[in-house]
Amino acid sequence: YAIGWFRQAPGKVREAVACISSKSGTRAFTDSVRGR
């Protein structure tokens, strides 16, 4: 399975944080967390 991580702060919409494709394929990060 591809797995996504999302987060939601109080009063804010849920946003995607990170994602990994099946079989440890392509990874993606939102700009605010990239590198951390």
ModelCIF file with pLDDT and N, C-alpha, C, O atoms, coordinates in Angstrom:
data_MODEL
#
_entry.id   MODEL 
#
_entity.id                         1 
_entity.type                       polymer 
_entity.pdbx_number_of_molecules   1 
#
_entity_poly.entity_id                      1 
_entity_poly.type                           'polypeptide(L)' 
_entity_poly.nstd_linkage                   no 
_entity_poly.nstd_monomer                   no 
_entity_poly.pdbx_seq_one_letter_code       YAIGWFRQAPGKVREAVACISSKSGTRAFTDSVRGR 
_entity_poly.pdbx_seq_one_letter_code_can   YAIGWFRQAPGKVREAVACISSKSGTRAFTDSVRGR 
_entity_poly.pdbx_strand_id                 A 
#
loop_
_entity_poly_seq.entity_id 
_entity_poly_seq.num 
_entity_poly_seq.mon_id 
_entity_poly_seq.hetero 
1 1  TYR n 
1 2  ALA n 
1 3  ILE n 
1 4  GLY n 
1 5  TRP n 
1 6  PHE n 
1 7  ARG n 
1 8  GLN n 
1 9  ALA n 
1 10 PRO n 
1 11 GLY n 
1 12 LYS n 
1 13 VAL n 
1 14 ARG n 
1 15 GLU n 
1 16 ALA n 
1 17 VAL n 
1 18 ALA n 
1 19 CYS n 
1 20 ILE n 
1 21 SER n 
1 22 SER n 
1 23 LYS n 
1 24 SER n 
1 25 GLY n 
1 26 THR n 
1 27 ARG n 
1 28 ALA n 
1 29 PHE n 
1 30 THR n 
1 31 ASP n 
1 32 SER n 
1 33 VAL n 
1 34 ARG n 
1 35 GLY n 
1 36 ARG n 
#
_struct_asym.id          A 
_struct_asym.entity_id   1 
#
loop_
_ma_qa_metric.id 
_ma_qa_metric.mode 
_ma_qa_metric.name 
_ma_qa_metric.software_group_id 
_ma_qa_metric.type 
1 global pLDDT . pLDDT 
2 local  pLDDT . pLDDT 
#
_ma_qa_metric_global.metric_id      1 
_ma_qa_metric_global.metric_value   94.72 
_ma_qa_metric_global.model_id       1 
_ma_qa_metric_global.ordinal_id     1 
#
loop_
_ma_qa_metric_local.label_asym_id 
_ma_qa_metric_local.label_comp_id 
_ma_qa_metric_local.label_seq_id 
_ma_qa_metric_local.metric_id 
_ma_qa_metric_local.metric_value 
_ma_qa_metric_local.model_id 
_ma_qa_metric_local.ordinal_id 
A TYR 1  2 94.00 1 1  
A ALA 2  2 95.00 1 2  
A ILE 3  2 96.00 1 3  
A GLY 4  2 97.00 1 4  
A TRP 5  2 98.00 1 5  
A PHE 6  2 98.00 1 6  
A ARG 7  2 98.00 1 7  
A GLN 8  2 98.00 1 8  
A ALA 9  2 96.00 1 9  
A PRO 10 2 89.00 1 10 
A GLY 11 2 93.00 1 11 
A LYS 12 2 95.00 1 12 
A VAL 13 2 95.00 1 13 
A ARG 14 2 96.00 1 14 
A GLU 15 2 96.00 1 15 
A ALA 16 2 97.00 1 16 
A VAL 17 2 97.00 1 17 
A ALA 18 2 97.00 1 18 
A CYS 19 2 97.00 1 19 
A ILE 20 2 96.00 1 20 
A SER 21 2 94.00 1 21 
A SER 22 2 91.00 1 22 
A LYS 23 2 87.00 1 23 
A SER 24 2 80.00 1 24 
A GLY 25 2 85.00 1 25 
A THR 26 2 93.00 1 26 
A ARG 27 2 95.00 1 27 
A ALA 28 2 96.00 1 28 
A PHE 29 2 96.00 1 29 
A THR 30 2 95.00 1 30 
A ASP 31 2 96.00 1 31 
A SER 32 2 96.00 1 32 
A VAL 33 2 97.00 1 33 
A ARG 34 2 96.00 1 34 
A GLY 35 2 97.00 1 35 
A ARG 36 2 98.00 1 36 
#
loop_
_atom_site.group_PDB 
_atom_site.id 
_atom_site.type_symbol 
_atom_site.label_atom_id 
_atom_site.label_alt_id 
_atom_site.label_comp_id 
_atom_site.label_asym_id 
_atom_site.label_entity_id 
_atom_site.label_seq_id 
_atom_site.pdbx_PDB_ins_code 
_atom_site.Cartn_x 
_atom_site.Cartn_y 
_atom_site.Cartn_z 
_atom_site.occupancy 
_atom_site.B_iso_or_equiv 
_atom_site.pdbx_formal_charge 
_atom_site.auth_seq_id 
_atom_site.auth_comp_id 
_atom_site.auth_asym_id 
_atom_site.auth_atom_id 
_atom_site.pdbx_PDB_model_num 
ATOM 1   N N  . TYR A 1 1  ? 0.822  -1.201 0.000  1.00 94.00 ? 1  TYR A N  1 
ATOM 2   C CA . TYR A 1 1  ? 0.000  0.000  0.000  1.00 94.00 ? 1  TYR A CA 1 
ATOM 3   C C  . TYR A 1 1  ? 0.858  1.254  0.000  1.00 94.00 ? 1  TYR A C  1 
ATOM 4   O O  . TYR A 1 1  ? 1.902  1.306  0.651  1.00 94.00 ? 1  TYR A O  1 
ATOM 5   N N  . ALA A 1 2  ? 0.413  2.254  -0.730 1.00 95.00 ? 2  ALA A N  1 
ATOM 6   C CA . ALA A 1 2  ? 0.947  3.585  -0.515 1.00 95.00 ? 2  ALA A CA 1 
ATOM 7   C C  . ALA A 1 2  ? 0.374  4.123  0.795  1.00 95.00 ? 2  ALA A C  1 
ATOM 8   O O  . ALA A 1 2  ? -0.810 3.951  1.083  1.00 95.00 ? 2  ALA A O  1 
ATOM 9   N N  . ILE A 1 3  ? 1.227  4.777  1.585  1.00 96.00 ? 3  ILE A N  1 
ATOM 10  C CA . ILE A 1 3  ? 0.837  5.277  2.899  1.00 96.00 ? 3  ILE A CA 1 
ATOM 11  C C  . ILE A 1 3  ? 1.065  6.782  2.955  1.00 96.00 ? 3  ILE A C  1 
ATOM 12  O O  . ILE A 1 3  ? 2.147  7.274  2.635  1.00 96.00 ? 3  ILE A O  1 
ATOM 13  N N  . GLY A 1 4  ? 0.043  7.489  3.360  1.00 97.00 ? 4  GLY A N  1 
ATOM 14  C CA . GLY A 1 4  ? 0.149  8.924  3.568  1.00 97.00 ? 4  GLY A CA 1 
ATOM 15  C C  . GLY A 1 4  ? 0.031  9.273  5.039  1.00 97.00 ? 4  GLY A C  1 
ATOM 16  O O  . GLY A 1 4  ? -0.708 8.629  5.784  1.00 97.00 ? 4  GLY A O  1 
ATOM 17  N N  . TRP A 1 5  ? 0.758  10.289 5.448  1.00 98.00 ? 5  TRP A N  1 
ATOM 18  C CA . TRP A 1 5  ? 0.627  10.871 6.782  1.00 98.00 ? 5  TRP A CA 1 
ATOM 19  C C  . TRP A 1 5  ? -0.007 12.251 6.634  1.00 98.00 ? 5  TRP A C  1 
ATOM 20  O O  . TRP A 1 5  ? 0.425  13.059 5.812  1.00 98.00 ? 5  TRP A O  1 
ATOM 21  N N  . PHE A 1 6  ? -1.022 12.505 7.428  1.00 98.00 ? 6  PHE A N  1 
ATOM 22  C CA . PHE A 1 6  ? -1.746 13.771 7.439  1.00 98.00 ? 6  PHE A CA 1 
ATOM 23  C C  . PHE A 1 6  ? -1.763 14.312 8.858  1.00 98.00 ? 6  PHE A C  1 
ATOM 24  O O  . PHE A 1 6  ? -1.573 13.567 9.820  1.00 98.00 ? 6  PHE A O  1 
ATOM 25  N N  . ARG A 1 7  ? -1.993 15.605 8.982  1.00 98.00 ? 7  ARG A N  1 
ATOM 26  C CA . ARG A 1 7  ? -2.139 16.194 10.305 1.00 98.00 ? 7  ARG A CA 1 
ATOM 27  C C  . ARG A 1 7  ? -3.208 17.275 10.270 1.00 98.00 ? 7  ARG A C  1 
ATOM 28  O O  . ARG A 1 7  ? -3.495 17.866 9.229  1.00 98.00 ? 7  ARG A O  1 
ATOM 29  N N  . GLN A 1 8  ? -3.785 17.513 11.440 1.00 98.00 ? 8  GLN A N  1 
ATOM 30  C CA . GLN A 1 8  ? -4.813 18.531 11.569 1.00 98.00 ? 8  GLN A CA 1 
ATOM 31  C C  . GLN A 1 8  ? -4.630 19.261 12.890 1.00 98.00 ? 8  GLN A C  1 
ATOM 32  O O  . GLN A 1 8  ? -4.640 18.648 13.957 1.00 98.00 ? 8  GLN A O  1 
ATOM 33  N N  . ALA A 1 9  ? -4.463 20.568 12.808 1.00 96.00 ? 9  ALA A N  1 
ATOM 34  C CA . ALA A 1 9  ? -4.374 21.420 13.980 1.00 96.00 ? 9  ALA A CA 1 
ATOM 35  C C  . ALA A 1 9  ? -5.750 21.999 14.282 1.00 96.00 ? 9  ALA A C  1 
ATOM 36  O O  . ALA A 1 9  ? -6.584 22.096 13.382 1.00 96.00 ? 9  ALA A O  1 
ATOM 37  N N  . PRO A 1 10 ? -6.005 22.388 15.538 1.00 89.00 ? 10 PRO A N  1 
ATOM 38  C CA . PRO A 1 10 ? -7.306 22.962 15.875 1.00 89.00 ? 10 PRO A CA 1 
ATOM 39  C C  . PRO A 1 10 ? -7.641 24.165 15.001 1.00 89.00 ? 10 PRO A C  1 
ATOM 40  O O  . PRO A 1 10 ? -6.825 25.072 14.837 1.00 89.00 ? 10 PRO A O  1 
ATOM 41  N N  . GLY A 1 11 ? -8.839 24.163 14.446 1.00 93.00 ? 11 GLY A N  1 
ATOM 42  C CA . GLY A 1 11 ? -9.287 25.262 13.617 1.00 93.00 ? 11 GLY A CA 1 
ATOM 43  C C  . GLY A 1 11 ? -8.723 25.285 12.214 1.00 93.00 ? 11 GLY A C  1 
ATOM 44  O O  . GLY A 1 11 ? -8.967 26.236 11.470 1.00 93.00 ? 11 GLY A O  1 
ATOM 45  N N  . LYS A 1 12 ? -7.976 24.262 11.833 1.00 95.00 ? 12 LYS A N  1 
ATOM 46  C CA . LYS A 1 12 ? -7.366 24.215 10.513 1.00 95.00 ? 12 LYS A CA 1 
ATOM 47  C C  . LYS A 1 12 ? -7.796 22.952 9.776  1.00 95.00 ? 12 LYS A C  1 
ATOM 48  O O  . LYS A 1 12 ? -8.210 21.967 10.388 1.00 95.00 ? 12 LYS A O  1 
ATOM 49  N N  . VAL A 1 13 ? -7.688 23.001 8.459  1.00 95.00 ? 13 VAL A N  1 
ATOM 50  C CA . VAL A 1 13 ? -8.030 21.842 7.650  1.00 95.00 ? 13 VAL A CA 1 
ATOM 51  C C  . VAL A 1 13 ? -6.930 20.799 7.762  1.00 95.00 ? 13 VAL A C  1 
ATOM 52  O O  . VAL A 1 13 ? -5.779 21.117 8.061  1.00 95.00 ? 13 VAL A O  1 
ATOM 53  N N  . ARG A 1 14 ? -7.302 19.547 7.518  1.00 96.00 ? 14 ARG A N  1 
ATOM 54  C CA . ARG A 1 14 ? -6.315 18.481 7.522  1.00 96.00 ? 14 ARG A CA 1 
ATOM 55  C C  . ARG A 1 14 ? -5.437 18.601 6.283  1.00 96.00 ? 14 ARG A C  1 
ATOM 56  O O  . ARG A 1 14 ? -5.934 18.836 5.181  1.00 96.00 ? 14 ARG A O  1 
ATOM 57  N N  . GLU A 1 15 ? -4.130 18.440 6.470  1.00 96.00 ? 15 GLU A N  1 
ATOM 58  C CA . GLU A 1 15 ? -3.186 18.591 5.384  1.00 96.00 ? 15 GLU A CA 1 
ATOM 59  C C  . GLU A 1 15 ? -2.290 17.376 5.277  1.00 96.00 ? 15 GLU A C  1 
ATOM 60  O O  . GLU A 1 15 ? -1.995 16.716 6.273  1.00 96.00 ? 15 GLU A O  1 
ATOM 61  N N  . ALA A 1 16 ? -1.861 17.088 4.065  1.00 97.00 ? 16 ALA A N  1 
ATOM 62  C CA . ALA A 1 16 ? -0.902 16.021 3.845  1.00 97.00 ? 16 ALA A CA 1 
ATOM 63  C C  . ALA A 1 16 ? 0.476  16.462 4.311  1.00 97.00 ? 16 ALA A C  1 
ATOM 64  O O  . ALA A 1 16 ? 0.882  17.600 4.078  1.00 97.00 ? 16 ALA A O  1 
ATOM 65  N N  . VAL A 1 17 ? 1.191  15.562 4.967  1.00 97.00 ? 17 VAL A N  1 
ATOM 66  C CA . VAL A 1 17 ? 2.527  15.826 5.477  1.00 97.00 ? 17 VAL A CA 1 
ATOM 67  C C  . VAL A 1 17 ? 3.581  15.057 4.691  1.00 97.00 ? 17 VAL A C  1 
ATOM 68  O O  . VAL A 1 17 ? 4.576  15.634 4.254  1.00 97.00 ? 17 VAL A O  1 
ATOM 69  N N  . ALA A 1 18 ? 3.367  13.762 4.512  1.00 97.00 ? 18 ALA A N  1 
ATOM 70  C CA . ALA A 1 18 ? 4.336  12.907 3.849  1.00 97.00 ? 18 ALA A CA 1 
ATOM 71  C C  . ALA A 1 18 ? 3.614  11.727 3.235  1.00 97.00 ? 18 ALA A C  1 
ATOM 72  O O  . ALA A 1 18 ? 2.492  11.397 3.618  1.00 97.00 ? 18 ALA A O  1 
ATOM 73  N N  . CYS A 1 19 ? 4.274  11.094 2.275  1.00 97.00 ? 19 CYS A N  1 
ATOM 74  C CA . CYS A 1 19 ? 3.686  9.961  1.572  1.00 97.00 ? 19 CYS A CA 1 
ATOM 75  C C  . CYS A 1 19 ? 4.802  9.051  1.096  1.00 97.00 ? 19 CYS A C  1 
ATOM 76  O O  . CYS A 1 19 ? 5.870  9.521  0.704  1.00 97.00 ? 19 CYS A O  1 
ATOM 77  N N  . ILE A 1 20 ? 4.556  7.755  1.130  1.00 96.00 ? 20 ILE A N  1 
ATOM 78  C CA . ILE A 1 20 ? 5.491  6.779  0.588  1.00 96.00 ? 20 ILE A CA 1 
ATOM 79  C C  . ILE A 1 20 ? 4.712  5.824  -0.295 1.00 96.00 ? 20 ILE A C  1 
ATOM 80  O O  . ILE A 1 20 ? 3.677  5.295  0.109  1.00 96.00 ? 20 ILE A O  1 
ATOM 81  N N  . SER A 1 21 ? 5.215  5.605  -1.504 1.00 94.00 ? 21 SER A N  1 
ATOM 82  C CA . SER A 1 21 ? 4.558  4.712  -2.441 1.00 94.00 ? 21 SER A CA 1 
ATOM 83  C C  . SER A 1 21 ? 4.758  3.264  -2.024 1.00 94.00 ? 21 SER A C  1 
ATOM 84  O O  . SER A 1 21 ? 5.621  2.968  -1.197 1.00 94.00 ? 21 SER A O  1 
ATOM 85  N N  . SER A 1 22 ? 3.970  2.368  -2.588 1.00 91.00 ? 22 SER A N  1 
ATOM 86  C CA . SER A 1 22 ? 4.117  0.951  -2.285 1.00 91.00 ? 22 SER A CA 1 
ATOM 87  C C  . SER A 1 22 ? 5.515  0.465  -2.630 1.00 91.00 ? 22 SER A C  1 
ATOM 88  O O  . SER A 1 22 ? 6.169  0.988  -3.532 1.00 91.00 ? 22 SER A O  1 
ATOM 89  N N  . LYS A 1 23 ? 5.961  -0.552 -1.887 1.00 87.00 ? 23 LYS A N  1 
ATOM 90  C CA . LYS A 1 23 ? 7.303  -1.128 -2.085 1.00 87.00 ? 23 LYS A CA 1 
ATOM 91  C C  . LYS A 1 23 ? 8.412  -0.087 -1.913 1.00 87.00 ? 23 LYS A C  1 
ATOM 92  O O  . LYS A 1 23 ? 9.435  -0.136 -2.597 1.00 87.00 ? 23 LYS A O  1 
ATOM 93  N N  . SER A 1 24 ? 8.200  0.836  -1.009 1.00 80.00 ? 24 SER A N  1 
ATOM 94  C CA . SER A 1 24 ? 9.171  1.893  -0.701 1.00 80.00 ? 24 SER A CA 1 
ATOM 95  C C  . SER A 1 24 ? 9.606  2.635  -1.947 1.00 80.00 ? 24 SER A C  1 
ATOM 96  O O  . SER A 1 24 ? 10.791 2.892  -2.155 1.00 80.00 ? 24 SER A O  1 
ATOM 97  N N  . GLY A 1 25 ? 8.626  2.976  -2.776 1.00 85.00 ? 25 GLY A N  1 
ATOM 98  C CA . GLY A 1 25 ? 8.890  3.744  -3.965 1.00 85.00 ? 25 GLY A CA 1 
ATOM 99  C C  . GLY A 1 25 ? 9.003  5.227  -3.666 1.00 85.00 ? 25 GLY A C  1 
ATOM 100 O O  . GLY A 1 25 ? 9.580  5.632  -2.656 1.00 85.00 ? 25 GLY A O  1 
ATOM 101 N N  . THR A 1 26 ? 8.447  6.025  -4.556 1.00 93.00 ? 26 THR A N  1 
ATOM 102 C CA . THR A 1 26 ? 8.552  7.468  -4.467 1.00 93.00 ? 26 THR A CA 1 
ATOM 103 C C  . THR A 1 26 ? 8.064  7.990  -3.125 1.00 93.00 ? 26 THR A C  1 
ATOM 104 O O  . THR A 1 26 ? 7.051  7.532  -2.596 1.00 93.00 ? 26 THR A O  1 
ATOM 105 N N  . ARG A 1 27 ? 8.799  8.955  -2.582 1.00 95.00 ? 27 ARG A N  1 
ATOM 106 C CA . ARG A 1 27 ? 8.421  9.637  -1.352 1.00 95.00 ? 27 ARG A CA 1 
ATOM 107 C C  . ARG A 1 27 ? 8.111  11.087 -1.660 1.00 95.00 ? 27 ARG A C  1 
ATOM 108 O O  . ARG A 1 27 ? 8.672  11.671 -2.588 1.00 95.00 ? 27 ARG A O  1 
ATOM 109 N N  . ALA A 1 28 ? 7.222  11.659 -0.881 1.00 96.00 ? 28 ALA A N  1 
ATOM 110 C CA . ALA A 1 28 ? 6.859  13.059 -1.059 1.00 96.00 ? 28 ALA A CA 1 
ATOM 111 C C  . ALA A 1 28 ? 6.655  13.705 0.300  1.00 96.00 ? 28 ALA A C  1 
ATOM 112 O O  . ALA A 1 28 ? 6.202  13.057 1.244  1.00 96.00 ? 28 ALA A O  1 
ATOM 113 N N  . PHE A 1 29 ? 6.990  14.984 0.396  1.00 96.00 ? 29 PHE A N  1 
ATOM 114 C CA . PHE A 1 29 ? 6.848  15.745 1.625  1.00 96.00 ? 29 PHE A CA 1 
ATOM 115 C C  . PHE A 1 29 ? 6.304  17.124 1.306  1.00 96.00 ? 29 PHE A C  1 
ATOM 116 O O  . PHE A 1 29 ? 6.602  17.696 0.258  1.00 96.00 ? 29 PHE A O  1 
ATOM 117 N N  . THR A 1 30 ? 5.513  17.647 2.212  1.00 95.00 ? 30 THR A N  1 
ATOM 118 C CA . THR A 1 30 ? 5.100  19.026 2.071  1.00 95.00 ? 30 THR A CA 1 
ATOM 119 C C  . THR A 1 30 ? 6.284  19.934 2.406  1.00 95.00 ? 30 THR A C  1 
ATOM 120 O O  . THR A 1 30 ? 7.173  19.550 3.165  1.00 95.00 ? 30 THR A O  1 
ATOM 121 N N  . ASP A 1 31 ? 6.288  21.132 1.838  1.00 96.00 ? 31 ASP A N  1 
ATOM 122 C CA . ASP A 1 31 ? 7.451  22.005 1.953  1.00 96.00 ? 31 ASP A CA 1 
ATOM 123 C C  . ASP A 1 31 ? 7.826  22.308 3.399  1.00 96.00 ? 31 ASP A C  1 
ATOM 124 O O  . ASP A 1 31 ? 9.010  22.430 3.715  1.00 96.00 ? 31 ASP A O  1 
ATOM 125 N N  . SER A 1 32 ? 6.845  22.429 4.274  1.00 96.00 ? 32 SER A N  1 
ATOM 126 C CA . SER A 1 32 ? 7.108  22.850 5.641  1.00 96.00 ? 32 SER A CA 1 
ATOM 127 C C  . SER A 1 32 ? 7.862  21.806 6.462  1.00 96.00 ? 32 SER A C  1 
ATOM 128 O O  . SER A 1 32 ? 8.422  22.143 7.505  1.00 96.00 ? 32 SER A O  1 
ATOM 129 N N  . VAL A 1 33 ? 7.891  20.545 6.017  1.00 97.00 ? 33 VAL A N  1 
ATOM 130 C CA . VAL A 1 33 ? 8.567  19.501 6.776  1.00 97.00 ? 33 VAL A CA 1 
ATOM 131 C C  . VAL A 1 33 ? 9.743  18.891 6.027  1.00 97.00 ? 33 VAL A C  1 
ATOM 132 O O  . VAL A 1 33 ? 10.498 18.108 6.604  1.00 97.00 ? 33 VAL A O  1 
ATOM 133 N N  . ARG A 1 34 ? 9.909  19.228 4.775  1.00 96.00 ? 34 ARG A N  1 
ATOM 134 C CA . ARG A 1 34 ? 10.989 18.649 3.983  1.00 96.00 ? 34 ARG A CA 1 
ATOM 135 C C  . ARG A 1 34 ? 12.338 18.962 4.619  1.00 96.00 ? 34 ARG A C  1 
ATOM 136 O O  . ARG A 1 34 ? 12.622 20.111 4.958  1.00 96.00 ? 34 ARG A O  1 
ATOM 137 N N  . GLY A 1 35 ? 13.166 17.932 4.777  1.00 97.00 ? 35 GLY A N  1 
ATOM 138 C CA . GLY A 1 35 ? 14.450 18.080 5.434  1.00 97.00 ? 35 GLY A CA 1 
ATOM 139 C C  . GLY A 1 35 ? 14.415 17.807 6.916  1.00 97.00 ? 35 GLY A C  1 
ATOM 140 O O  . GLY A 1 35 ? 15.463 17.599 7.526  1.00 97.00 ? 35 GLY A O  1 
ATOM 141 N N  . ARG A 1 36 ? 13.231 17.802 7.519  1.00 98.00 ? 36 ARG A N  1 
ATOM 142 C CA . ARG A 1 36 ? 13.084 17.513 8.944  1.00 98.00 ? 36 ARG A CA 1 
ATOM 143 C C  . ARG A 1 36 ? 12.404 16.171 9.197  1.00 98.00 ? 36 ARG A C  1 
ATOM 144 O O  . ARG A 1 36 ? 12.209 15.785 10.350 1.00 98.00 ? 36 ARG A O  1 
#
